[in-house]
Protein backbone atom coordinates (compact mmCIF):
# COMPACT_ATOMS: atom_id res chain seq x y z
CA MET A 1 107.90 135.81 157.91
CA GLY A 2 108.33 132.57 155.96
CA ARG A 3 111.51 131.37 155.27
CA ARG A 4 111.47 132.64 151.20
CA GLY A 5 109.87 136.14 152.74
CA ARG A 6 114.23 136.12 155.09
CA SER A 7 115.61 135.11 152.07
CA TRP A 8 114.23 137.66 149.63
CA ALA A 9 114.48 140.20 152.53
CA GLY A 10 117.76 140.61 153.47
CA ARG A 11 119.18 142.67 156.29
CA TRP A 12 116.23 144.78 156.55
CA ALA A 13 113.90 141.41 156.67
CA ALA A 14 112.55 142.54 159.95
CA TYR A 15 112.16 146.85 159.40
CA ARG A 16 108.02 148.00 158.64
CA VAL A 17 107.25 151.19 157.89
CA ASP A 18 104.70 152.73 160.77
CA GLU A 19 101.27 152.31 160.03
CA VAL A 20 100.26 155.95 160.04
CA GLY A 21 102.69 156.86 156.88
CA ARG A 22 101.73 153.36 155.12
CA THR A 23 98.24 154.34 155.47
CA GLY A 24 97.55 157.95 153.76
CA GLU A 25 96.27 158.83 150.54
CA PRO A 26 100.11 159.12 149.03
CA VAL A 27 101.19 155.90 149.04
CA LEU A 28 98.12 154.23 148.63
CA ARG A 29 97.47 156.05 145.54
CA GLY A 30 101.07 154.90 144.52
CA PHE A 31 100.09 151.82 145.06
CA ARG A 32 97.35 151.43 143.50
CA GLN A 33 98.93 152.53 140.20
CA VAL A 34 101.08 150.23 140.92
CA THR A 35 98.85 147.74 140.45
CA LEU A 36 97.16 149.61 137.58
CA LEU A 37 100.45 149.14 135.98
CA LEU A 38 101.61 146.17 136.96
CA ALA A 39 98.28 144.21 136.24
CA VAL A 40 98.95 145.79 132.38
CA ILE A 41 102.07 143.96 132.24
CA LEU A 42 100.86 140.78 133.31
CA GLY A 43 98.12 141.34 131.05
CA PHE A 44 100.68 141.74 128.18
CA ALA A 45 102.85 138.78 129.39
CA VAL A 46 100.09 136.36 129.53
CA GLY A 47 98.93 137.57 126.03
CA ALA A 48 102.28 136.94 124.43
CA VAL A 49 102.38 134.11 125.83
CA ALA A 50 98.64 132.63 124.65
CA GLY A 51 100.27 134.16 121.59
CA ALA A 52 103.35 132.59 120.98
CA ALA A 53 101.52 129.59 121.23
CA LEU A 54 98.75 130.16 118.95
CA LEU A 55 101.34 131.31 116.68
CA HIS A 56 103.06 127.79 117.62
CA GLU A 57 99.56 125.81 116.74
CA GLN A 58 99.50 127.16 113.26
CA GLY A 59 102.92 126.29 113.08
CA ASN A 60 105.33 128.79 113.25
CA ASP A 61 108.28 127.82 115.24
CA LEU A 62 109.44 130.06 117.55
CA ALA A 63 112.49 130.20 119.15
CA THR A 64 113.61 128.51 122.67
CA VAL A 65 114.73 132.03 123.70
CA VAL A 66 111.38 133.44 122.76
CA TRP A 67 109.44 130.16 124.87
CA GLY A 68 112.34 131.22 127.50
CA ARG A 69 112.24 135.09 128.10
CA LEU A 70 107.75 135.01 127.99
CA VAL A 71 107.91 132.41 130.69
CA VAL A 72 110.83 134.50 132.19
CA ILE A 73 109.07 137.82 132.39
CA LEU A 74 105.24 135.76 133.64
CA GLY A 75 107.25 134.50 136.32
CA LEU A 76 108.57 138.25 137.28
CA THR A 77 105.91 139.91 136.88
CA VAL A 78 103.92 137.25 138.93
CA SER A 79 106.83 138.28 141.54
CA LEU A 80 106.20 142.02 141.73
CA PHE A 81 103.43 141.29 142.67
CA TYR A 82 104.52 139.72 145.43
CA PHE A 83 106.34 142.73 146.34
CA LEU A 84 103.59 144.92 145.90
CA SER A 85 101.65 142.62 148.81
CA ARG A 86 104.61 142.75 151.05
CA ALA A 87 105.28 146.30 150.18
CA ARG A 88 101.69 147.53 151.27
CA ARG A 89 102.23 145.46 154.48
CA GLY A 90 105.06 148.34 155.27
CA TRP A 91 107.34 145.67 154.74
CA TRP A 92 110.64 148.23 153.21
CA TRP A 93 112.83 145.25 151.94
CA ALA A 94 110.03 144.68 149.15
CA TYR A 95 109.80 148.08 148.14
CA SER A 96 113.51 148.61 147.48
CA ARG A 97 113.12 145.16 145.37
CA LEU A 98 109.80 146.85 143.79
CA ARG A 99 112.06 149.87 143.22
CA LEU A 100 115.03 147.60 142.49
CA PHE A 101 113.20 145.89 139.72
CA SER A 102 111.01 148.11 138.07
CA LEU A 103 114.78 150.02 137.50
CA VAL A 104 116.30 146.79 136.04
CA PHE A 105 114.39 145.10 134.03
CA PRO A 106 113.84 147.54 131.23
CA VAL A 107 117.34 147.99 131.02
CA VAL A 108 118.05 144.04 130.12
CA ALA A 109 114.69 144.39 128.33
CA VAL A 110 115.60 146.57 126.06
CA THR A 111 119.60 145.57 125.80
CA THR A 112 118.14 141.94 124.88
CA CYS A 113 115.52 144.02 122.19
CA ALA A 114 118.62 145.97 120.89
CA ILE A 115 120.94 142.60 119.57
CA PRO A 116 119.25 141.58 115.55
CA GLY A 117 117.76 138.90 115.89
CA LEU A 118 116.96 136.99 119.26
CA TYR A 119 113.50 137.97 119.30
CA PRO A 120 111.02 138.41 116.13
CA GLU A 121 109.34 141.97 115.11
CA TRP A 122 106.77 141.55 117.54
CA MET A 123 107.86 140.03 120.96
CA VAL A 124 110.32 142.81 120.76
CA ILE A 125 107.12 145.34 119.96
CA GLU A 126 105.65 143.64 123.71
CA GLN A 127 109.37 144.00 125.69
CA LEU A 128 109.36 147.48 124.98
CA ALA A 129 106.02 148.32 126.12
CA VAL A 130 106.70 145.66 129.10
CA ALA A 131 109.53 147.96 129.98
CA ALA A 132 107.81 151.38 129.77
CA VAL A 133 105.33 150.49 132.02
CA LEU A 134 108.10 149.51 133.99
CA LEU A 135 109.83 152.29 134.05
CA LEU A 136 106.21 154.43 134.98
CA VAL A 137 106.20 151.85 137.45
CA ALA A 138 109.75 152.82 138.98
CA VAL A 139 108.51 157.20 138.44
CA VAL A 140 105.29 155.99 140.90
CA LEU A 141 107.83 154.39 143.51
CA SER A 142 109.93 157.62 143.13
CA SER A 143 107.32 160.14 144.30
CA PRO A 144 107.43 162.18 146.92
CA GLY A 145 104.14 160.59 148.71
CA LEU A 146 106.46 156.61 148.08
CA ALA A 147 109.79 157.58 148.43
CA THR A 148 109.56 159.78 151.54
CA VAL A 149 107.51 157.31 153.18
CA TYR A 150 109.08 154.17 152.64
CA ALA A 151 113.41 155.65 152.72
CA ARG A 152 116.08 153.54 153.77
CA PRO A 153 115.86 152.68 156.66
CA GLN A 154 119.22 154.30 159.03
CA ARG A 155 121.60 152.78 161.34
CA ARG A 156 123.09 154.58 163.97
CA PRO A 157 126.65 153.13 164.97
CA GLY A 158 126.78 150.80 167.75
CA THR A 159 123.47 149.63 167.24
CA ALA A 160 121.84 146.94 166.08
CA ASP A 161 120.05 147.47 162.70
CA PRO A 162 116.01 146.92 162.30
CA ALA A 163 116.79 143.33 161.31
CA GLY A 164 118.21 142.39 165.01
CA ALA A 165 121.95 141.15 163.43
CA ALA A 166 124.96 143.27 165.47
CA ASP A 167 126.73 145.97 164.07
CA PRO A 168 129.05 144.85 161.30
CA ALA A 169 132.15 146.62 162.70
CA GLY A 170 131.27 145.99 166.06
CA ALA A 171 131.53 149.32 167.58
CA ALA A 172 129.89 150.47 170.41
CA ASP A 173 128.24 153.83 170.75
CA PRO A 174 130.43 156.59 172.29
CA ALA A 175 127.93 158.77 173.92
CA GLY A 176 126.51 155.45 175.40
CA ALA A 177 122.72 156.63 174.81
CA ALA A 178 119.85 154.09 174.47
CA ASP A 179 117.48 154.23 171.72
CA PRO A 180 114.81 156.19 171.72
């Protein structure tokens, strides 16, 4: 894994989901649905940037916050595709980030849209649409078919975590049993 992947992965960087589980039909179907939903969001993001550029060309002055938000959303959408590609390869950390962001980004979008006058009306509609689609992504990622296979890894006391880091408490396995 490259330097960027390790920094985004955190302590579970080396943990991969079992190949048998991640190649099952429920997981493959779920990831196909997430791909389609992210493509819809990418369409919204590209369309919003193109629409803003057209408005600018027609002489409409758009606030810096509008341009900034549009570029950020486009960049975040691309990062979600990165996490999706890593999650498909079995990296638990990528699935975890994708699921987290699909829940956090809608909250941020709705909160900023609630600030009066911050965004033009067309952008509020676009942001709420993106938030709704991201919530659908969260629903798919939380479905039993995906959530069971990509369950949070469990550490046993006294053992190293799957990423190879030592147990922070330094506790030893009281039974002295070897890992299976």
